[in-house]
Amino acid sequence: MLVHRQFAHLWDQLPDRVGLAAAQQFYDHVANSPGRIPPVGTSTILKGSLGAPISEGFSRTVHYEISGAGRIDFQYNDAYVGKQGDPHPIIFILRIGLGSH
C-alpha cells in the first residue's frame, strides 16, 4: 500500500482518530476486495477529473467513508508491474480527510 507523504501522519494516526475497528475494516477491505462495495461503510466512485486513474491500469478513485467525518480516496491496480517486473496488486492512497467535507 502506498500512502502519499502528505498524508503519512494521518495514516499513522488512523486507528486513534477513527477507532481500531473502523481502521481494521478499511485495511481488510482494501487488502481483499478494493473493487467491491465494502461490507461495512460506504464507498462511491468519483466522477470527473478527481476520479481519473493516476496511470494506466489503475481504477477510478474510490471515495471510502471510514467514519462519520472521515474519508479516504484511493485507487487500485490488480496487476501493477513494479521495477522488478512482477505483476502484483497495489493500493494507492490519494487523500485522507478526517474532518467534515
PDB file of N, CA and C in Angstrom:
ATOM      1  N   MET A   1       0.856  -1.158   0.000  1.00  0.00           N
ATOM      2  CA  MET A   1       0.000   0.000   0.000  1.00  0.00           C
ATOM      3  C   MET A   1       0.907   1.226   0.000  1.00  0.00           C
ATOM      4  N   LEU A   2       0.605   2.159  -0.879  1.00  0.00           N
ATOM      5  CA  LEU A   2       1.363   3.396  -0.960  1.00  0.00           C
ATOM      6  C   LEU A   2       0.517   4.544  -0.409  1.00  0.00           C
ATOM      7  N   VAL A   3       1.105   5.329   0.474  1.00  0.00           N
ATOM      8  CA  VAL A   3       0.431   6.490   1.041  1.00  0.00           C
ATOM      9  C   VAL A   3       1.266   7.714   0.692  1.00  0.00           C
ATOM     10  N   HIS A   4       0.643   8.712   0.092  1.00  0.00           N
ATOM     11  CA  HIS A   4       1.350   9.939  -0.257  1.00  0.00           C
ATOM     12  C   HIS A   4       1.946  10.542   1.018  1.00  0.00           C
ATOM     13  N   ARG A   5       3.177  11.038   0.924  1.00  0.00           N
ATOM     14  CA  ARG A   5       3.865  11.566   2.113  1.00  0.00           C
ATOM     15  C   ARG A   5       3.083  12.688   2.795  1.00  0.00           C
ATOM     16  N   GLN A   6       2.279  13.400   2.037  1.00  0.00           N
ATOM     17  CA  GLN A   6       1.461  14.473   2.595  1.00  0.00           C
ATOM     18  C   GLN A   6       0.459  13.926   3.626  1.00  0.00           C
ATOM     19  N   PHE A   7       0.084  12.646   3.483  1.00  0.00           N
ATOM     20  CA  PHE A   7      -0.918  12.052   4.361  1.00  0.00           C
ATOM     21  C   PHE A   7      -0.335  10.996   5.299  1.00  0.00           C
ATOM     22  N   ALA A   8       0.980  10.837   5.322  1.00  0.00           N
ATOM     23  CA  ALA A   8       1.598   9.797   6.152  1.00  0.00           C
ATOM     24  C   ALA A   8       1.264   9.972   7.634  1.00  0.00           C
ATOM     25  N   HIS A   9       1.259  11.205   8.126  1.00  0.00           N
ATOM     26  CA  HIS A   9       0.953  11.428   9.544  1.00  0.00           C
ATOM     27  C   HIS A   9      -0.493  11.060   9.864  1.00  0.00           C
ATOM     28  N   LEU A  10      -1.430  11.348   8.951  1.00  0.00           N
ATOM     29  CA  LEU A  10      -2.822  10.964   9.169  1.00  0.00           C
ATOM     30  C   LEU A  10      -2.983   9.446   9.097  1.00  0.00           C
ATOM     31  N   TRP A  11      -2.267   8.810   8.183  1.00  0.00           N
ATOM     32  CA  TRP A  11      -2.323   7.356   8.063  1.00  0.00           C
ATOM     33  C   TRP A  11      -1.865   6.708   9.366  1.00  0.00           C
ATOM     34  N   ASP A  12      -0.794   7.231   9.934  1.00  0.00           N
ATOM     35  CA  ASP A  12      -0.276   6.685  11.191  1.00  0.00           C
ATOM     36  C   ASP A  12      -1.264   6.885  12.346  1.00  0.00           C
ATOM     37  N   GLN A  13      -2.039   7.953  12.302  1.00  0.00           N
ATOM     38  CA  GLN A  13      -2.995   8.272  13.362  1.00  0.00           C
ATOM     39  C   GLN A  13      -4.372   7.634  13.152  1.00  0.00           C
ATOM     40  N   LEU A  14      -4.575   6.974  12.030  1.00  0.00           N
ATOM     41  CA  LEU A  14      -5.903   6.494  11.655  1.00  0.00           C
ATOM     42  C   LEU A  14      -6.616   5.700  12.758  1.00  0.00           C
ATOM     43  N   PRO A  15      -6.010   4.677  13.355  1.00  0.00           N
ATOM     44  CA  PRO A  15      -6.730   3.928  14.393  1.00  0.00           C
ATOM     45  C   PRO A  15      -7.128   4.797  15.593  1.00  0.00           C
ATOM     46  N   ASP A  16      -6.271   5.746  15.950  1.00  0.00           N
ATOM     47  CA  ASP A  16      -6.591   6.627  17.077  1.00  0.00           C
ATOM     48  C   ASP A  16      -7.703   7.614  16.736  1.00  0.00           C
ATOM     49  N   ARG A  17      -7.770   8.031  15.488  1.00  0.00           N
ATOM     50  CA  ARG A  17      -8.744   9.052  15.088  1.00  0.00           C
ATOM     51  C   ARG A  17     -10.122   8.482  14.767  1.00  0.00           C
ATOM     52  N   VAL A  18     -10.188   7.298  14.149  1.00  0.00           N
ATOM     53  CA  VAL A  18     -11.487   6.734  13.748  1.00  0.00           C
ATOM     54  C   VAL A  18     -11.852   5.479  14.531  1.00  0.00           C
ATOM     55  N   GLY A  19     -10.934   4.988  15.331  1.00  0.00           N
ATOM     56  CA  GLY A  19     -11.167   3.762  16.089  1.00  0.00           C
ATOM     57  C   GLY A  19     -10.513   2.577  15.414  1.00  0.00           C
ATOM     58  N   LEU A  20     -10.065   1.653  16.229  1.00  0.00           N
ATOM     59  CA  LEU A  20      -9.366   0.482  15.704  1.00  0.00           C
ATOM     60  C   LEU A  20     -10.269  -0.367  14.809  1.00  0.00           C
ATOM     61  N   ALA A  21     -11.540  -0.516  15.183  1.00  0.00           N
ATOM     62  CA  ALA A  21     -12.453  -1.350  14.385  1.00  0.00           C
ATOM     63  C   ALA A  21     -12.659  -0.769  12.989  1.00  0.00           C
ATOM     64  N   ALA A  22     -12.897   0.540  12.895  1.00  0.00           N
ATOM     65  CA  ALA A  22     -13.105   1.176  11.579  1.00  0.00           C
ATOM     66  C   ALA A  22     -11.836   1.106  10.740  1.00  0.00           C
ATOM     67  N   ALA A  23     -10.689   1.341  11.358  1.00  0.00           N
ATOM     68  CA  ALA A  23      -9.424   1.263  10.625  1.00  0.00           C
ATOM     69  C   ALA A  23      -9.197  -0.158  10.119  1.00  0.00           C
ATOM     70  N   GLN A  24      -9.465  -1.165  10.953  1.00  0.00           N
ATOM     71  CA  GLN A  24      -9.274  -2.555  10.549  1.00  0.00           C
ATOM     72  C   GLN A  24     -10.217  -2.939   9.418  1.00  0.00           C
ATOM     73  N   GLN A  25     -11.455  -2.441   9.450  1.00  0.00           N
ATOM     74  CA  GLN A  25     -12.406  -2.720   8.364  1.00  0.00           C
ATOM     75  C   GLN A  25     -11.897  -2.148   7.045  1.00  0.00           C
ATOM     76  N   PHE A  26     -11.316  -0.939   7.094  1.00  0.00           N
ATOM     77  CA  PHE A  26     -10.756  -0.356   5.876  1.00  0.00           C
ATOM     78  C   PHE A  26      -9.565  -1.178   5.392  1.00  0.00           C
ATOM     79  N   TYR A  27      -8.640  -1.510   6.310  1.00  0.00           N
ATOM     80  CA  TYR A  27      -7.465  -2.301   5.931  1.00  0.00           C
ATOM     81  C   TYR A  27      -7.897  -3.609   5.270  1.00  0.00           C
ATOM     82  N   ASP A  28      -8.867  -4.299   5.887  1.00  0.00           N
ATOM     83  CA  ASP A  28      -9.343  -5.572   5.342  1.00  0.00           C
ATOM     84  C   ASP A  28      -9.988  -5.389   3.969  1.00  0.00           C
ATOM     85  N   HIS A  29     -10.760  -4.317   3.829  1.00  0.00           N
ATOM     86  CA  HIS A  29     -11.436  -4.065   2.554  1.00  0.00           C
ATOM     87  C   HIS A  29     -10.433  -3.849   1.422  1.00  0.00           C
ATOM     88  N   VAL A  30      -9.480  -2.964   1.617  1.00  0.00           N
ATOM     89  CA  VAL A  30      -8.543  -2.681   0.522  1.00  0.00           C
ATOM     90  C   VAL A  30      -7.581  -3.838   0.280  1.00  0.00           C
ATOM     91  N   ALA A  31      -7.300  -4.632   1.306  1.00  0.00           N
ATOM     92  CA  ALA A  31      -6.400  -5.771   1.130  1.00  0.00           C
ATOM     93  C   ALA A  31      -7.070  -6.917   0.374  1.00  0.00           C
ATOM     94  N   ASN A  32      -8.375  -7.066   0.543  1.00  0.00           N
ATOM     95  CA  ASN A  32      -9.048  -8.230  -0.013  1.00  0.00           C
ATOM     96  C   ASN A  32      -9.981  -7.955  -1.181  1.00  0.00           C
ATOM     97  N   SER A  33     -10.636  -6.805  -1.193  1.00  0.00           N
ATOM     98  CA  SER A  33     -11.639  -6.560  -2.244  1.00  0.00           C
ATOM     99  C   SER A  33     -11.823  -5.066  -2.519  1.00  0.00           C
ATOM    100  N   PRO A  34     -10.773  -4.372  -2.948  1.00  0.00           N
ATOM    101  CA  PRO A  34     -10.890  -2.927  -3.134  1.00  0.00           C
ATOM    102  C   PRO A  34     -11.880  -2.511  -4.220  1.00  0.00           C
ATOM    103  N   GLY A  35     -12.175  -3.392  -5.161  1.00  0.00           N
ATOM    104  CA  GLY A  35     -13.086  -3.064  -6.249  1.00  0.00           C
ATOM    105  C   GLY A  35     -14.541  -3.378  -5.971  1.00  0.00           C
ATOM    106  N   ARG A  36     -14.813  -3.910  -4.806  1.00  0.00           N
ATOM    107  CA  ARG A  36     -16.188  -4.272  -4.452  1.00  0.00           C
ATOM    108  C   ARG A  36     -16.765  -3.280  -3.448  1.00  0.00           C
ATOM    109  N   ILE A  37     -18.077  -3.313  -3.302  1.00  0.00           N
ATOM    110  CA  ILE A  37     -18.732  -2.494  -2.291  1.00  0.00           C
ATOM    111  C   ILE A  37     -18.327  -3.039  -0.934  1.00  0.00           C
ATOM    112  N   PRO A  38     -17.888  -2.175  -0.017  1.00  0.00           N
ATOM    113  CA  PRO A  38     -17.448  -2.673   1.287  1.00  0.00           C
ATOM    114  C   PRO A  38     -18.613  -3.260   2.083  1.00  0.00           C
ATOM    115  N   PRO A  39     -18.348  -4.325   2.856  1.00  0.00           N
ATOM    116  CA  PRO A  39     -19.411  -4.917   3.660  1.00  0.00           C
ATOM    117  C   PRO A  39     -19.885  -3.991   4.787  1.00  0.00           C
ATOM    118  N   VAL A  40     -19.019  -3.117   5.245  1.00  0.00           N
ATOM    119  CA  VAL A  40     -19.355  -2.136   6.276  1.00  0.00           C
ATOM    120  C   VAL A  40     -18.933  -0.773   5.761  1.00  0.00           C
ATOM    121  N   GLY A  41     -19.750   0.236   5.966  1.00  0.00           N
ATOM    122  CA  GLY A  41     -19.422   1.570   5.481  1.00  0.00           C
ATOM    123  C   GLY A  41     -19.902   1.752   4.051  1.00  0.00           C
ATOM    124  N   THR A  42     -19.554   2.888   3.479  1.00  0.00           N
ATOM    125  CA  THR A  42     -19.977   3.171   2.113  1.00  0.00           C
ATOM    126  C   THR A  42     -18.795   3.654   1.285  1.00  0.00           C
ATOM    127  N   SER A  43     -18.920   3.443  -0.005  1.00  0.00           N
ATOM    128  CA  SER A  43     -17.920   3.971  -0.924  1.00  0.00           C
ATOM    129  C   SER A  43     -18.614   4.356  -2.216  1.00  0.00           C
ATOM    130  N   THR A  44     -18.038   5.309  -2.911  1.00  0.00           N
ATOM    131  CA  THR A  44     -18.538   5.723  -4.210  1.00  0.00           C
ATOM    132  C   THR A  44     -17.349   5.898  -5.148  1.00  0.00           C
ATOM    133  N   ILE A  45     -17.619   5.800  -6.432  1.00  0.00           N
ATOM    134  CA  ILE A  45     -16.592   6.036  -7.449  1.00  0.00           C
ATOM    135  C   ILE A  45     -16.719   7.489  -7.874  1.00  0.00           C
ATOM    136  N   LEU A  46     -15.628   8.235  -7.769  1.00  0.00           N
ATOM    137  CA  LEU A  46     -15.666   9.652  -8.127  1.00  0.00           C
ATOM    138  C   LEU A  46     -15.732   9.826  -9.639  1.00  0.00           C
ATOM    139  N   LYS A  47     -16.473  10.831 -10.051  1.00  0.00           N
ATOM    140  CA  LYS A  47     -16.602  11.160 -11.469  1.00  0.00           C
ATOM    141  C   LYS A  47     -15.714  12.358 -11.782  1.00  0.00           C
ATOM    142  N   GLY A  48     -15.562  12.638 -13.043  1.00  0.00           N
ATOM    143  CA  GLY A  48     -14.802  13.814 -13.467  1.00  0.00           C
ATOM    144  C   GLY A  48     -13.309  13.639 -13.252  1.00  0.00           C
ATOM    145  N   SER A  49     -12.603  14.771 -13.217  1.00  0.00           N
ATOM    146  CA  SER A  49     -11.140  14.724 -13.133  1.00  0.00           C
ATOM    147  C   SER A  49     -10.635  14.166 -11.807  1.00  0.00           C
ATOM    148  N   LEU A  50     -11.380  14.348 -10.714  1.00  0.00           N
ATOM    149  CA  LEU A  50     -10.949  13.782  -9.423  1.00  0.00           C
ATOM    150  C   LEU A  50     -10.995  12.261  -9.426  1.00  0.00           C
ATOM    151  N   GLY A  51     -11.786  11.687 -10.303  1.00  0.00           N
ATOM    152  CA  GLY A  51     -11.900  10.242 -10.367  1.00  0.00           C
ATOM    153  C   GLY A  51     -10.985   9.590 -11.382  1.00  0.00           C
ATOM    154  N   ALA A  52     -10.299  10.396 -12.175  1.00  0.00           N
ATOM    155  CA  ALA A  52      -9.459   9.848 -13.248  1.00  0.00           C
ATOM    156  C   ALA A  52      -8.327   8.984 -12.698  1.00  0.00           C
ATOM    157  N   PRO A  53      -8.057   7.855 -13.352  1.00  0.00           N
ATOM    158  CA  PRO A  53      -6.950   6.996 -12.921  1.00  0.00           C
ATOM    159  C   PRO A  53      -5.613   7.732 -12.978  1.00  0.00           C
ATOM    160  N   ILE A  54      -4.738   7.449 -12.010  1.00  0.00           N
ATOM    161  CA  ILE A  54      -3.438   8.121 -11.966  1.00  0.00           C
ATOM    162  C   ILE A  54      -2.483   7.602 -13.030  1.00  0.00           C
ATOM    163  N   SER A  55      -2.750   6.393 -13.515  1.00  0.00           N
ATOM    164  CA  SER A  55      -1.899   5.799 -14.538  1.00  0.00           C
ATOM    165  C   SER A  55      -2.666   4.644 -15.176  1.00  0.00           C
ATOM    166  N   GLU A  56      -2.160   4.167 -16.282  1.00  0.00           N
ATOM    167  CA  GLU A  56      -2.818   3.060 -16.978  1.00  0.00           C
ATOM    168  C   GLU A  56      -2.917   1.839 -16.055  1.00  0.00           C
ATOM    169  N   GLY A  57      -4.072   1.207 -16.068  1.00  0.00           N
ATOM    170  CA  GLY A  57      -4.295   0.016 -15.262  1.00  0.00           C
ATOM    171  C   GLY A  57      -4.902   0.279 -13.893  1.00  0.00           C
ATOM    172  N   PHE A  58      -4.906   1.544 -13.476  1.00  0.00           N
ATOM    173  CA  PHE A  58      -5.480   1.886 -12.179  1.00  0.00           C
ATOM    174  C   PHE A  58      -6.985   2.092 -12.307  1.00  0.00           C
ATOM    175  N   SER A  59      -7.672   1.885 -11.200  1.00  0.00           N
ATOM    176  CA  SER A  59      -9.109   2.123 -11.142  1.00  0.00           C
ATOM    177  C   SER A  59      -9.384   3.618 -11.121  1.00  0.00           C
ATOM    178  N   ARG A  60     -10.647   3.972 -11.230  1.00  0.00           N
ATOM    179  CA  ARG A  60     -11.056   5.337 -10.931  1.00  0.00           C
ATOM    180  C   ARG A  60     -10.948   5.492  -9.421  1.00  0.00           C
ATOM    181  N   THR A  61     -10.976   6.700  -8.927  1.00  0.00           N
ATOM    182  CA  THR A  61     -10.834   6.955  -7.497  1.00  0.00           C
ATOM    183  C   THR A  61     -12.057   6.471  -6.730  1.00  0.00           C
ATOM    184  N   VAL A  62     -11.791   5.695  -5.684  1.00  0.00           N
ATOM    185  CA  VAL A  62     -12.829   5.222  -4.772  1.00  0.00           C
ATOM    186  C   VAL A  62     -12.828   6.145  -3.551  1.00  0.00           C
ATOM    187  N   HIS A  63     -13.986   6.669  -3.228  1.00  0.00           N
ATOM    188  CA  HIS A  63     -14.172   7.573  -2.081  1.00  0.00           C
ATOM    189  C   HIS A  63     -14.807   6.734  -0.973  1.00  0.00           C
ATOM    190  N   TYR A  64     -14.010   6.352   0.027  1.00  0.00           N
ATOM    191  CA  TYR A  64     -14.433   5.445   1.093  1.00  0.00           C
ATOM    192  C   TYR A  64     -14.715   6.251   2.351  1.00  0.00           C
ATOM    193  N   GLU A  65     -15.902   6.090   2.914  1.00  0.00           N
ATOM    194  CA  GLU A  65     -16.257   6.767   4.157  1.00  0.00           C
ATOM    195  C   GLU A  65     -15.894   5.853   5.307  1.00  0.00           C
ATOM    196  N   ILE A  66     -14.830   6.218   6.012  1.00  0.00           N
ATOM    197  CA  ILE A  66     -14.312   5.372   7.086  1.00  0.00           C
ATOM    198  C   ILE A  66     -15.001   5.647   8.419  1.00  0.00           C
ATOM    199  N   SER A  67     -15.569   6.831   8.561  1.00  0.00           N
ATOM    200  CA  SER A  67     -16.329   7.182   9.765  1.00  0.00           C
ATOM    201  C   SER A  67     -17.284   8.305   9.377  1.00  0.00           C
ATOM    202  N   GLY A  68     -18.052   8.792  10.343  1.00  0.00           N
ATOM    203  CA  GLY A  68     -18.992   9.865  10.053  1.00  0.00           C
ATOM    204  C   GLY A  68     -18.341  11.083   9.435  1.00  0.00           C
ATOM    205  N   ALA A  69     -17.115  11.373   9.824  1.00  0.00           N
ATOM    206  CA  ALA A  69     -16.424  12.548   9.291  1.00  0.00           C
ATOM    207  C   ALA A  69     -15.117  12.193   8.589  1.00  0.00           C
ATOM    208  N   GLY A  70     -14.837  10.916   8.405  1.00  0.00           N
ATOM    209  CA  GLY A  70     -13.573  10.510   7.801  1.00  0.00           C
ATOM    210  C   GLY A  70     -13.742   9.944   6.411  1.00  0.00           C
ATOM    211  N   ARG A  71     -12.871  10.347   5.506  1.00  0.00           N
ATOM    212  CA  ARG A  71     -12.907   9.889   4.121  1.00  0.00           C
ATOM    213  C   ARG A  71     -11.498   9.526   3.677  1.00  0.00           C
ATOM    214  N   ILE A  72     -11.413   8.459   2.882  1.00  0.00           N
ATOM    215  CA  ILE A  72     -10.141   8.075   2.276  1.00  0.00           C
ATOM    216  C   ILE A  72     -10.403   7.842   0.793  1.00  0.00           C
ATOM    217  N   ASP A  73      -9.642   8.506  -0.051  1.00  0.00           N
ATOM    218  CA  ASP A  73      -9.733   8.307  -1.500  1.00  0.00           C
ATOM    219  C   ASP A  73      -8.551   7.455  -1.932  1.00  0.00           C
ATOM    220  N   PHE A  74      -8.839   6.403  -2.696  1.00  0.00           N
ATOM    221  CA  PHE A  74      -7.769   5.529  -3.150  1.00  0.00           C
ATOM    222  C   PHE A  74      -8.060   5.011  -4.548  1.00  0.00           C
ATOM    223  N   GLN A  75      -7.008   4.506  -5.178  1.00  0.00           N
ATOM    224  CA  GLN A  75      -7.124   3.801  -6.444  1.00  0.00           C
ATOM    225  C   GLN A  75      -6.382   2.479  -6.292  1.00  0.00           C
ATOM    226  N   TYR A  76      -6.744   1.516  -7.095  1.00  0.00           N
ATOM    227  CA  TYR A  76      -6.086   0.221  -7.029  1.00  0.00           C
ATOM    228  C   TYR A  76      -5.760  -0.267  -8.433  1.00  0.00           C
ATOM    229  N   ASN A  77      -4.789  -1.135  -8.480  1.00  0.00           N
ATOM    230  CA  ASN A  77      -4.396  -1.788  -9.721  1.00  0.00           C
ATOM    231  C   ASN A  77      -4.126  -3.250  -9.358  1.00  0.00           C
ATOM    232  N   ASP A  78      -4.877  -4.160  -9.946  1.00  0.00           N
ATOM    233  CA  ASP A  78      -4.751  -5.577  -9.606  1.00  0.00           C
ATOM    234  C   ASP A  78      -3.495  -6.234 -10.164  1.00  0.00           C
ATOM    235  N   ALA A  79      -2.854  -5.604 -11.135  1.00  0.00           N
ATOM    236  CA  ALA A  79      -1.679  -6.214 -11.770  1.00  0.00           C
ATOM    237  C   ALA A  79      -0.611  -5.163 -12.062  1.00  0.00           C
ATOM    238  N   TYR A  80      -0.248  -4.389 -11.053  1.00  0.00           N
ATOM    239  CA  TYR A  80       0.772  -3.352 -11.209  1.00  0.00           C
ATOM    240  C   TYR A  80       2.128  -4.020 -11.423  1.00  0.00           C
ATOM    241  N   VAL A  81       2.869  -3.544 -12.405  1.00  0.00           N
ATOM    242  CA  VAL A  81       4.199  -4.088 -12.673  1.00  0.00           C
ATOM    243  C   VAL A  81       5.227  -3.100 -12.134  1.00  0.00           C
ATOM    244  N   GLY A  82       5.924  -3.532 -11.101  1.00  0.00           N
ATOM    245  CA  GLY A  82       6.926  -2.689 -10.459  1.00  0.00           C
ATOM    246  C   GLY A  82       8.274  -2.781 -11.130  1.00  0.00           C
ATOM    247  N   LYS A  83       9.294  -2.257 -10.454  1.00  0.00           N
ATOM    248  CA  LYS A  83      10.647  -2.225 -11.006  1.00  0.00           C
ATOM    249  C   LYS A  83      11.219  -3.612 -11.269  1.00  0.00           C
ATOM    250  N   GLN A  84      10.787  -4.599 -10.488  1.00  0.00           N
ATOM    251  CA  GLN A  84      11.312  -5.947 -10.654  1.00  0.00           C
ATOM    252  C   GLN A  84      10.555  -6.738 -11.715  1.00  0.00           C
ATOM    253  N   GLY A  85       9.504  -6.135 -12.292  1.00  0.00           N
ATOM    254  CA  GLY A  85       8.794  -6.749 -13.400  1.00  0.00           C
ATOM    255  C   GLY A  85       7.737  -7.762 -13.032  1.00  0.00           C
ATOM    256  N   ASP A  86       7.456  -7.904 -11.755  1.00  0.00           N
ATOM    257  CA  ASP A  86       6.439  -8.874 -11.337  1.00  0.00           C
ATOM    258  C   ASP A  86       5.107  -8.177 -11.092  1.00  0.00           C
ATOM    259  N   PRO A  87       4.030  -8.648 -11.729  1.00  0.00           N
ATOM    260  CA  PRO A  87       2.724  -8.023 -11.501  1.00  0.00           C
ATOM    261  C   PRO A  87       2.173  -8.397 -10.119  1.00  0.00           C
ATOM    262  N   HIS A  88       1.660  -7.402  -9.422  1.00  0.00           N
ATOM    263  CA  HIS A  88       1.073  -7.616  -8.103  1.00  0.00           C
ATOM    264  C   HIS A  88       0.046  -6.522  -7.834  1.00  0.00           C
ATOM    265  N   PRO A  89      -0.915  -6.793  -6.950  1.00  0.00           N
ATOM    266  CA  PRO A  89      -1.913  -5.769  -6.628  1.00  0.00           C
ATOM    267  C   PRO A  89      -1.301  -4.634  -5.810  1.00  0.00           C
ATOM    268  N   ILE A  90      -1.827  -3.440  -6.030  1.00  0.00           N
ATOM    269  CA  ILE A  90      -1.340  -2.273  -5.294  1.00  0.00           C
ATOM    270  C   ILE A  90      -2.511  -1.341  -4.990  1.00  0.00           C
ATOM    271  N   ILE A  91      -2.452  -0.702  -3.838  1.00  0.00           N
ATOM    272  CA  ILE A  91      -3.423   0.303  -3.423  1.00  0.00           C
ATOM    273  C   ILE A  91      -2.663   1.612  -3.281  1.00  0.00           C
ATOM    274  N   PHE A  92      -3.184   2.674  -3.856  1.00  0.00           N
ATOM    275  CA  PHE A  92      -2.552   3.990  -3.775  1.00  0.00           C
ATOM    276  C   PHE A  92      -3.512   4.920  -3.043  1.00  0.00           C
ATOM    277  N   ILE A  93      -3.132   5.346  -1.842  1.00  0.00           N
ATOM    278  CA  ILE A  93      -3.964   6.261  -1.051  1.00  0.00           C
ATOM    279  C   ILE A  93      -3.699   7.675  -1.563  1.00  0.00           C
ATOM    280  N   LEU A  94      -4.732   8.299  -2.097  1.00  0.00           N
ATOM    281  CA  LEU A  94      -4.591   9.634  -2.679  1.00  0.00           C
ATOM    282  C   LEU A  94      -4.847  10.756  -1.691  1.00  0.00           C
ATOM    283  N   ARG A  95      -5.891  10.581  -0.866  1.00  0.00           N
ATOM    284  CA  ARG A  95      -6.282  11.623   0.078  1.00  0.00           C
ATOM    285  C   ARG A  95      -6.864  10.986   1.336  1.00  0.00           C
ATOM    286  N   ILE A  96      -6.584  11.622   2.463  1.00  0.00           N
ATOM    287  CA  ILE A  96      -7.213  11.237   3.719  1.00  0.00           C
ATOM    288  C   ILE A  96      -7.765  12.505   4.338  1.00  0.00           C
ATOM    289  N   GLY A  97      -9.040  12.485   4.644  1.00  0.00           N
ATOM    290  CA  GLY A  97      -9.682  13.618   5.308  1.00  0.00           C
ATOM    291  C   GLY A  97     -10.392  13.112   6.550  1.00  0.00           C
ATOM    292  N   LEU A  98      -9.996  13.584   7.696  1.00  0.00           N
ATOM    293  CA  LEU A  98     -10.605  13.109   8.934  1.00  0.00           C
ATOM    294  C   LEU A  98     -11.464  14.186   9.589  1.00  0.00           C
ATOM    295  N   GLY A  99     -11.823  15.177   8.801  1.00  0.00           N
ATOM    296  CA  GLY A  99     -12.764  16.208   9.255  1.00  0.00           C
ATOM    297  C   GLY A  99     -14.023  16.120   8.404  1.00  0.00           C
ATOM    298  N   SER A 100     -14.915  17.058   8.561  1.00  0.00           N
ATOM    299  CA  SER A 100     -16.123  17.037   7.743  1.00  0.00           C
ATOM    300  C   SER A 100     -15.784  17.468   6.323  1.00  0.00           C
ATOM    301  N   HIS A 101     -16.689  17.153   5.375  1.00  0.00           N
ATOM    302  CA  HIS A 101     -16.475  17.551   3.972  1.00  0.00           C
ATOM    303  C   HIS A 101     -16.212  19.000   3.945  1.00  0.00           C
TER     304      HIS A 101
END
